[in-house]
Each structure stands twice: as structure tokens, then as C-alpha cells.
Amino acid sequence: MDDTDPFLAEIDGKLAFQTKWRRIMSVAYFTNTALALISSSAATVVAAIGEAFWGSLLAAAATVLFGLEKTLLLREKWSHHREFPASQHERR
């Protein structure tokens, strides 16, 4: 088979799609998780120094971020796209 084979072109397109979405899901998952952890940690510290209002806002933000991760299934999507080969070199 040569490089102009339509089957190989379709496979290359699918690999490019998986690579793009692997990157997007990775960034979304890790950004959301980092923000949620920072918010929950900051809520604890801020509430401990006596700023109950700001502590409650940070706790609410952490709750929303953790809820988004669970609702959007970011970890599962990231794991799904991670399982696919990223380039032609990883194909058999």
C-alpha cells in the first residue's frame, strides 16, 4: 500500500482527531482538577483565618469544579483518548 491509499488517509485522519482530543481532554482534566484542589485548599486556609464569606465562596467554587469533572466525565474521556496511538509510528 502506498501513501495515497484512501484507507490509510482515513486512518491518519482518525489518528489526528484522537491526538487533538487527547490534548484537549488532558488540559481540561488537569486544569479542572488543579483549580478544584487549589480552591478547596484555599477555602480551608481562608476560613481558618476568620474570613468565612471568602472561605464559603472558595468552597462553593471547589464544589462546582469537582461536580463539573464528574458530570463531564473528563477523566474517563482523557483515559479513552490516551489509549489510542498518537502517531503513525505507534501503529502496527
N, C-alpha and C. Protein backbone atom coordinates (compact mmCIF):
# COMPACT_ATOMS: atom_id res chain seq x y z
N MET A 1 0.84 -1.19 0.00
CA MET A 1 0.00 0.00 0.00
C MET A 1 0.88 1.24 0.00
N ASP A 2 0.44 2.23 -0.74
CA ASP A 2 1.20 3.47 -0.78
C ASP A 2 0.49 4.54 0.06
N ASP A 3 1.09 5.72 0.14
CA ASP A 3 0.56 6.79 0.98
C ASP A 3 -0.71 7.42 0.43
N THR A 4 -1.07 7.13 -0.82
CA THR A 4 -2.28 7.70 -1.39
C THR A 4 -3.49 6.78 -1.18
N ASP A 5 -3.32 5.71 -0.49
CA ASP A 5 -4.41 4.77 -0.22
C ASP A 5 -5.48 5.47 0.63
N PRO A 6 -6.75 5.43 0.21
CA PRO A 6 -7.81 6.11 0.97
C PRO A 6 -7.98 5.54 2.38
N PHE A 7 -7.74 4.27 2.54
CA PHE A 7 -7.85 3.66 3.86
C PHE A 7 -6.81 4.26 4.82
N LEU A 8 -5.56 4.38 4.35
CA LEU A 8 -4.52 4.98 5.19
C LEU A 8 -4.80 6.45 5.47
N ALA A 9 -5.36 7.14 4.48
CA ALA A 9 -5.71 8.55 4.69
C ALA A 9 -6.79 8.67 5.76
N GLU A 10 -7.76 7.75 5.74
CA GLU A 10 -8.81 7.78 6.76
C GLU A 10 -8.24 7.47 8.14
N ILE A 11 -7.36 6.49 8.21
CA ILE A 11 -6.73 6.14 9.49
C ILE A 11 -5.90 7.31 10.01
N ASP A 12 -5.15 7.96 9.13
CA ASP A 12 -4.36 9.12 9.54
C ASP A 12 -5.25 10.24 10.06
N GLY A 13 -6.40 10.44 9.42
CA GLY A 13 -7.34 11.45 9.89
C GLY A 13 -7.89 11.11 11.27
N LYS A 14 -8.20 9.84 11.50
CA LYS A 14 -8.70 9.42 12.81
C LYS A 14 -7.62 9.54 13.88
N LEU A 15 -6.38 9.25 13.52
CA LEU A 15 -5.28 9.41 14.47
C LEU A 15 -5.08 10.89 14.83
N ALA A 16 -5.20 11.76 13.84
CA ALA A 16 -5.07 13.20 14.10
C ALA A 16 -6.19 13.68 15.02
N PHE A 17 -7.40 13.17 14.78
CA PHE A 17 -8.54 13.52 15.63
C PHE A 17 -8.30 13.07 17.07
N GLN A 18 -7.84 11.85 17.26
CA GLN A 18 -7.58 11.33 18.60
C GLN A 18 -6.46 12.12 19.29
N THR A 19 -5.45 12.49 18.54
CA THR A 19 -4.34 13.26 19.11
C THR A 19 -4.82 14.62 19.58
N LYS A 20 -5.65 15.27 18.76
CA LYS A 20 -6.18 16.59 19.13
C LYS A 20 -7.03 16.48 20.39
N TRP A 21 -7.93 15.51 20.44
CA TRP A 21 -8.81 15.38 21.59
C TRP A 21 -8.08 14.86 22.81
N ARG A 22 -7.01 14.12 22.62
CA ARG A 22 -6.20 13.71 23.77
C ARG A 22 -5.63 14.94 24.46
N ARG A 23 -5.12 15.86 23.68
CA ARG A 23 -4.56 17.09 24.22
C ARG A 23 -5.63 17.94 24.92
N ILE A 24 -6.77 18.09 24.27
CA ILE A 24 -7.85 18.90 24.83
C ILE A 24 -8.35 18.30 26.15
N MET A 25 -8.59 16.99 26.18
CA MET A 25 -9.09 16.34 27.39
C MET A 25 -8.05 16.36 28.50
N SER A 26 -6.79 16.22 28.14
CA SER A 26 -5.73 16.26 29.14
C SER A 26 -5.67 17.63 29.80
N VAL A 27 -5.69 18.69 29.00
CA VAL A 27 -5.64 20.05 29.54
C VAL A 27 -6.89 20.34 30.38
N ALA A 28 -8.06 19.95 29.88
CA ALA A 28 -9.31 20.20 30.61
C ALA A 28 -9.32 19.46 31.94
N TYR A 29 -8.92 18.19 31.92
CA TYR A 29 -8.95 17.38 33.14
C TYR A 29 -7.97 17.92 34.19
N PHE A 30 -6.73 18.14 33.79
CA PHE A 30 -5.73 18.57 34.75
C PHE A 30 -5.96 20.01 35.22
N THR A 31 -6.44 20.89 34.35
CA THR A 31 -6.73 22.25 34.76
C THR A 31 -7.89 22.28 35.77
N ASN A 32 -8.94 21.55 35.45
CA ASN A 32 -10.10 21.49 36.34
C ASN A 32 -9.71 20.90 37.69
N THR A 33 -8.95 19.82 37.69
CA THR A 33 -8.54 19.18 38.94
C THR A 33 -7.65 20.10 39.76
N ALA A 34 -6.71 20.76 39.11
CA ALA A 34 -5.81 21.67 39.83
C ALA A 34 -6.59 22.84 40.44
N LEU A 35 -7.50 23.43 39.68
CA LEU A 35 -8.30 24.53 40.19
C LEU A 35 -9.19 24.09 41.36
N ALA A 36 -9.75 22.90 41.26
CA ALA A 36 -10.60 22.40 42.34
C ALA A 36 -9.79 22.17 43.61
N LEU A 37 -8.61 21.58 43.47
CA LEU A 37 -7.76 21.34 44.64
C LEU A 37 -7.26 22.65 45.25
N ILE A 38 -6.89 23.60 44.42
CA ILE A 38 -6.44 24.90 44.92
C ILE A 38 -7.60 25.61 45.63
N SER A 39 -8.79 25.56 45.04
CA SER A 39 -9.96 26.22 45.66
C SER A 39 -10.30 25.60 47.01
N SER A 40 -10.29 24.27 47.07
CA SER A 40 -10.64 23.64 48.35
C SER A 40 -9.58 23.90 49.41
N SER A 41 -8.32 23.88 49.01
CA SER A 41 -7.25 24.18 49.97
C SER A 41 -7.32 25.64 50.43
N ALA A 42 -7.54 26.54 49.50
CA ALA A 42 -7.65 27.95 49.85
C ALA A 42 -8.86 28.21 50.73
N ALA A 43 -9.95 27.50 50.48
CA ALA A 43 -11.15 27.66 51.32
C ALA A 43 -10.85 27.29 52.76
N THR A 44 -10.10 26.22 52.95
CA THR A 44 -9.74 25.80 54.30
C THR A 44 -8.88 26.85 55.00
N VAL A 45 -7.89 27.35 54.29
CA VAL A 45 -6.97 28.33 54.88
C VAL A 45 -7.70 29.65 55.15
N VAL A 46 -8.46 30.11 54.18
CA VAL A 46 -9.16 31.39 54.32
C VAL A 46 -10.19 31.32 55.45
N ALA A 47 -10.92 30.23 55.55
CA ALA A 47 -11.90 30.08 56.64
C ALA A 47 -11.20 30.00 57.99
N ALA A 48 -10.02 29.38 58.03
CA ALA A 48 -9.28 29.24 59.29
C ALA A 48 -8.78 30.58 59.81
N ILE A 49 -8.53 31.53 58.91
CA ILE A 49 -8.06 32.84 59.38
C ILE A 49 -9.22 33.80 59.68
N GLY A 50 -10.44 33.29 59.60
CA GLY A 50 -11.59 34.07 60.01
C GLY A 50 -12.40 34.74 58.91
N GLU A 51 -12.07 34.47 57.67
CA GLU A 51 -12.81 35.06 56.54
C GLU A 51 -13.84 34.05 56.03
N ALA A 52 -14.92 33.93 56.78
CA ALA A 52 -15.94 32.91 56.47
C ALA A 52 -16.59 33.14 55.11
N PHE A 53 -16.85 34.39 54.76
CA PHE A 53 -17.51 34.68 53.48
C PHE A 53 -16.66 34.20 52.31
N TRP A 54 -15.38 34.60 52.30
CA TRP A 54 -14.50 34.20 51.20
C TRP A 54 -14.21 32.71 51.23
N GLY A 55 -14.13 32.15 52.42
CA GLY A 55 -13.95 30.70 52.53
C GLY A 55 -15.12 29.93 51.94
N SER A 56 -16.33 30.44 52.19
CA SER A 56 -17.51 29.76 51.63
C SER A 56 -17.57 29.90 50.12
N LEU A 57 -17.16 31.05 49.59
CA LEU A 57 -17.13 31.21 48.13
C LEU A 57 -16.12 30.26 47.49
N LEU A 58 -14.95 30.13 48.10
CA LEU A 58 -13.94 29.21 47.57
C LEU A 58 -14.41 27.76 47.67
N ALA A 59 -15.09 27.44 48.77
CA ALA A 59 -15.63 26.07 48.91
C ALA A 59 -16.69 25.80 47.86
N ALA A 60 -17.53 26.80 47.58
CA ALA A 60 -18.54 26.64 46.54
C ALA A 60 -17.89 26.46 45.17
N ALA A 61 -16.84 27.22 44.90
CA ALA A 61 -16.13 27.08 43.62
C ALA A 61 -15.53 25.68 43.49
N ALA A 62 -14.95 25.18 44.57
CA ALA A 62 -14.38 23.84 44.55
C ALA A 62 -15.46 22.80 44.30
N THR A 63 -16.60 22.97 44.93
CA THR A 63 -17.71 22.03 44.74
C THR A 63 -18.18 22.03 43.29
N VAL A 64 -18.30 23.20 42.71
CA VAL A 64 -18.72 23.30 41.31
C VAL A 64 -17.69 22.64 40.40
N LEU A 65 -16.41 22.89 40.65
CA LEU A 65 -15.37 22.30 39.81
C LEU A 65 -15.32 20.78 39.93
N PHE A 66 -15.45 20.26 41.14
CA PHE A 66 -15.49 18.81 41.30
C PHE A 66 -16.74 18.23 40.63
N GLY A 67 -17.85 18.94 40.74
CA GLY A 67 -19.08 18.50 40.09
C GLY A 67 -18.96 18.49 38.58
N LEU A 68 -18.32 19.51 38.02
CA LEU A 68 -18.10 19.55 36.57
C LEU A 68 -17.26 18.38 36.10
N GLU A 69 -16.22 18.06 36.84
CA GLU A 69 -15.36 16.94 36.46
C GLU A 69 -16.16 15.64 36.44
N LYS A 70 -17.01 15.45 37.43
CA LYS A 70 -17.81 14.23 37.49
C LYS A 70 -18.89 14.21 36.42
N THR A 71 -19.53 15.36 36.20
CA THR A 71 -20.62 15.43 35.23
C THR A 71 -20.12 15.28 33.80
N LEU A 72 -19.03 15.95 33.49
CA LEU A 72 -18.49 15.90 32.12
C LEU A 72 -17.62 14.69 31.86
N LEU A 73 -17.35 13.90 32.90
CA LEU A 73 -16.53 12.69 32.79
C LEU A 73 -15.18 12.99 32.14
N LEU A 74 -14.54 14.06 32.58
CA LEU A 74 -13.27 14.47 31.97
C LEU A 74 -12.20 13.39 32.12
N ARG A 75 -12.12 12.75 33.28
CA ARG A 75 -11.09 11.73 33.47
C ARG A 75 -11.32 10.55 32.54
N GLU A 76 -12.57 10.13 32.39
CA GLU A 76 -12.87 8.99 31.52
C GLU A 76 -12.58 9.32 30.06
N LYS A 77 -12.91 10.54 29.64
CA LYS A 77 -12.61 10.95 28.26
C LYS A 77 -11.12 11.04 28.04
N TRP A 78 -10.41 11.56 29.02
CA TRP A 78 -8.96 11.65 28.91
C TRP A 78 -8.36 10.25 28.80
N SER A 79 -8.83 9.33 29.64
CA SER A 79 -8.33 7.94 29.60
C SER A 79 -8.64 7.29 28.27
N HIS A 80 -9.85 7.55 27.74
CA HIS A 80 -10.25 6.97 26.45
C HIS A 80 -9.32 7.42 25.34
N HIS A 81 -9.07 8.72 25.25
CA HIS A 81 -8.22 9.24 24.18
C HIS A 81 -6.76 8.87 24.39
N ARG A 82 -6.37 8.66 25.63
CA ARG A 82 -4.98 8.29 25.93
C ARG A 82 -4.66 6.88 25.42
N GLU A 83 -5.67 6.03 25.34
CA GLU A 83 -5.45 4.64 24.92
C GLU A 83 -5.15 4.50 23.44
N PHE A 84 -5.48 5.49 22.63
CA PHE A 84 -5.27 5.39 21.20
C PHE A 84 -3.86 5.83 20.83
N PRO A 85 -3.27 5.23 19.80
CA PRO A 85 -1.93 5.66 19.37
C PRO A 85 -1.96 7.09 18.86
N ALA A 86 -0.87 7.80 19.12
CA ALA A 86 -0.83 9.22 18.78
C ALA A 86 -0.25 9.49 17.40
N SER A 87 0.44 8.55 16.83
CA SER A 87 1.07 8.83 15.54
C SER A 87 1.13 7.56 14.72
N GLN A 88 1.56 7.73 13.50
CA GLN A 88 1.70 6.58 12.60
C GLN A 88 2.77 5.61 13.12
N HIS A 89 3.73 6.14 13.87
CA HIS A 89 4.83 5.31 14.34
C HIS A 89 4.38 4.31 15.40
N GLU A 90 3.27 4.59 16.06
CA GLU A 90 2.78 3.69 17.09
C GLU A 90 1.87 2.62 16.52
N ARG A 91 1.52 2.74 15.23
CA ARG A 91 0.67 1.72 14.59
C ARG A 91 1.48 0.47 14.33
N ARG A 92 0.76 -0.64 14.23
CA ARG A 92 1.44 -1.91 13.90
C ARG A 92 1.34 -2.19 12.43
